[in-house]
Amino acid sequence: MKKDVTHRIEYYTRKVAQRAAVHPSKKQPRFYKYRGQCLLAYKELMHEEIRMYQEARSC
């Protein structure tokens, strides 16, 4: 099942908000170690999918 673009945006913003909720002076949970890199990769793929969606709608 392929996710809709709106679901991807919702997921991304929710995960970014979770990461930003941890105060910088506090130690982040272990599973956050590579979360930033994963979120950036997810963001790039999401933007690519949005571009493809827009191109498909314009044709």
N, C-alpha and C. Protein backbone atom coordinates (compact mmCIF):
# COMPACT_ATOMS: atom_id res chain seq x y z
N MET A 1 0.83 -1.17 0.00
CA MET A 1 0.00 0.00 0.00
C MET A 1 0.88 1.24 0.00
N LYS A 2 0.71 2.07 -1.00
CA LYS A 2 1.49 3.29 -1.11
C LYS A 2 0.82 4.40 -0.32
N LYS A 3 1.62 5.13 0.47
CA LYS A 3 1.07 6.20 1.28
C LYS A 3 0.81 7.44 0.44
N ASP A 4 -0.23 8.15 0.79
CA ASP A 4 -0.56 9.41 0.15
C ASP A 4 0.46 10.47 0.61
N VAL A 5 0.64 11.50 -0.19
CA VAL A 5 1.59 12.56 0.13
C VAL A 5 1.22 13.23 1.45
N THR A 6 -0.06 13.43 1.69
CA THR A 6 -0.47 14.08 2.93
C THR A 6 -0.12 13.24 4.15
N HIS A 7 -0.20 11.92 4.03
CA HIS A 7 0.19 11.05 5.13
C HIS A 7 1.69 11.13 5.39
N ARG A 8 2.46 11.23 4.32
CA ARG A 8 3.91 11.35 4.48
C ARG A 8 4.29 12.67 5.16
N ILE A 9 3.62 13.75 4.76
CA ILE A 9 3.89 15.05 5.39
C ILE A 9 3.52 15.01 6.87
N GLU A 10 2.38 14.41 7.17
CA GLU A 10 1.93 14.29 8.56
C GLU A 10 2.93 13.50 9.39
N TYR A 11 3.42 12.38 8.86
CA TYR A 11 4.40 11.56 9.57
C TYR A 11 5.69 12.34 9.81
N TYR A 12 6.18 13.02 8.77
CA TYR A 12 7.43 13.76 8.87
C TYR A 12 7.32 14.86 9.93
N THR A 13 6.25 15.64 9.89
CA THR A 13 6.11 16.74 10.84
C THR A 13 5.96 16.21 12.27
N ARG A 14 5.27 15.09 12.44
CA ARG A 14 5.11 14.50 13.77
C ARG A 14 6.47 14.05 14.33
N LYS A 15 7.29 13.42 13.50
CA LYS A 15 8.59 12.93 13.95
C LYS A 15 9.56 14.08 14.22
N VAL A 16 9.51 15.13 13.41
CA VAL A 16 10.36 16.29 13.64
C VAL A 16 9.96 16.96 14.95
N ALA A 17 8.66 17.06 15.21
CA ALA A 17 8.19 17.67 16.46
C ALA A 17 8.64 16.84 17.66
N GLN A 18 8.62 15.52 17.54
CA GLN A 18 9.08 14.66 18.64
C GLN A 18 10.56 14.91 18.92
N ARG A 19 11.34 15.02 17.86
CA ARG A 19 12.77 15.24 18.02
C ARG A 19 13.05 16.62 18.61
N ALA A 20 12.30 17.61 18.18
CA ALA A 20 12.51 18.98 18.68
C ALA A 20 12.01 19.16 20.11
N ALA A 21 11.16 18.27 20.58
CA ALA A 21 10.61 18.39 21.93
C ALA A 21 11.64 18.10 23.01
N VAL A 22 12.70 17.40 22.65
CA VAL A 22 13.74 17.08 23.63
C VAL A 22 14.64 18.31 23.78
N HIS A 23 14.76 18.79 24.99
CA HIS A 23 15.55 19.99 25.25
C HIS A 23 17.02 19.71 24.92
N PRO A 24 17.70 20.68 24.29
CA PRO A 24 19.09 20.45 23.87
C PRO A 24 20.05 20.11 25.01
N SER A 25 19.76 20.57 26.22
CA SER A 25 20.67 20.29 27.33
C SER A 25 20.48 18.89 27.90
N LYS A 26 19.41 18.23 27.52
CA LYS A 26 19.15 16.87 28.02
C LYS A 26 19.67 15.84 27.03
N LYS A 27 20.06 14.72 27.56
CA LYS A 27 20.55 13.64 26.71
C LYS A 27 19.39 13.05 25.92
N GLN A 28 19.62 12.89 24.62
CA GLN A 28 18.57 12.34 23.77
C GLN A 28 18.51 10.82 23.90
N PRO A 29 17.34 10.25 23.69
CA PRO A 29 17.23 8.78 23.75
C PRO A 29 18.15 8.11 22.73
N ARG A 30 18.54 6.89 23.01
CA ARG A 30 19.47 6.16 22.14
C ARG A 30 18.96 6.05 20.70
N PHE A 31 17.66 5.82 20.55
CA PHE A 31 17.13 5.61 19.21
C PHE A 31 17.04 6.91 18.40
N TYR A 32 17.38 8.05 19.01
CA TYR A 32 17.42 9.33 18.29
C TYR A 32 18.78 9.57 17.63
N LYS A 33 19.73 8.69 17.87
CA LYS A 33 21.10 8.92 17.40
C LYS A 33 21.16 9.22 15.89
N TYR A 34 20.47 8.44 15.10
CA TYR A 34 20.49 8.65 13.65
C TYR A 34 19.16 9.17 13.13
N ARG A 35 18.28 9.59 14.03
CA ARG A 35 16.95 10.06 13.64
C ARG A 35 17.05 11.27 12.69
N GLY A 36 17.95 12.21 12.96
CA GLY A 36 18.09 13.40 12.12
C GLY A 36 18.46 13.04 10.69
N GLN A 37 19.40 12.12 10.53
CA GLN A 37 19.82 11.69 9.19
C GLN A 37 18.68 10.97 8.48
N CYS A 38 17.97 10.14 9.20
CA CYS A 38 16.84 9.42 8.60
C CYS A 38 15.74 10.39 8.18
N LEU A 39 15.49 11.39 9.02
CA LEU A 39 14.44 12.36 8.68
C LEU A 39 14.82 13.18 7.46
N LEU A 40 16.09 13.55 7.33
CA LEU A 40 16.52 14.30 6.15
C LEU A 40 16.38 13.46 4.89
N ALA A 41 16.73 12.19 4.96
CA ALA A 41 16.57 11.30 3.81
C ALA A 41 15.08 11.14 3.46
N TYR A 42 14.25 10.99 4.48
CA TYR A 42 12.81 10.86 4.27
C TYR A 42 12.25 12.13 3.64
N LYS A 43 12.75 13.29 4.09
CA LYS A 43 12.30 14.58 3.55
C LYS A 43 12.64 14.69 2.06
N GLU A 44 13.85 14.28 1.69
CA GLU A 44 14.25 14.33 0.28
C GLU A 44 13.34 13.44 -0.57
N LEU A 45 13.08 12.22 -0.11
CA LEU A 45 12.20 11.32 -0.85
C LEU A 45 10.78 11.87 -0.92
N MET A 46 10.34 12.49 0.16
CA MET A 46 9.00 13.06 0.19
C MET A 46 8.88 14.21 -0.82
N HIS A 47 9.91 15.06 -0.88
CA HIS A 47 9.89 16.16 -1.84
C HIS A 47 9.91 15.64 -3.28
N GLU A 48 10.66 14.60 -3.51
CA GLU A 48 10.69 13.99 -4.85
C GLU A 48 9.31 13.46 -5.22
N GLU A 49 8.66 12.81 -4.28
CA GLU A 49 7.33 12.27 -4.54
C GLU A 49 6.32 13.41 -4.78
N ILE A 50 6.46 14.51 -4.06
CA ILE A 50 5.58 15.66 -4.27
C ILE A 50 5.77 16.22 -5.66
N ARG A 51 7.02 16.32 -6.11
CA ARG A 51 7.30 16.82 -7.46
C ARG A 51 6.66 15.90 -8.52
N MET A 52 6.79 14.59 -8.33
CA MET A 52 6.19 13.65 -9.27
C MET A 52 4.67 13.78 -9.27
N TYR A 53 4.08 13.97 -8.10
CA TYR A 53 2.64 14.13 -7.96
C TYR A 53 2.18 15.40 -8.69
N GLN A 54 2.93 16.49 -8.53
CA GLN A 54 2.58 17.75 -9.19
C GLN A 54 2.70 17.64 -10.71
N GLU A 55 3.74 16.95 -11.17
CA GLU A 55 3.91 16.76 -12.61
C GLU A 55 2.77 15.91 -13.19
N ALA A 56 2.35 14.91 -12.46
CA ALA A 56 1.26 14.05 -12.92
C ALA A 56 -0.06 14.82 -12.98
N ARG A 57 -0.26 15.72 -12.04
CA ARG A 57 -1.50 16.51 -12.03
C ARG A 57 -1.52 17.54 -13.15
N SER A 58 -0.34 18.05 -13.54
CA SER A 58 -0.29 19.10 -14.55
C SER A 58 -0.49 18.54 -15.96
N CYS A 59 -0.27 17.26 -16.16
CA CYS A 59 -0.43 16.67 -17.50
C CYS A 59 -1.87 16.31 -17.80
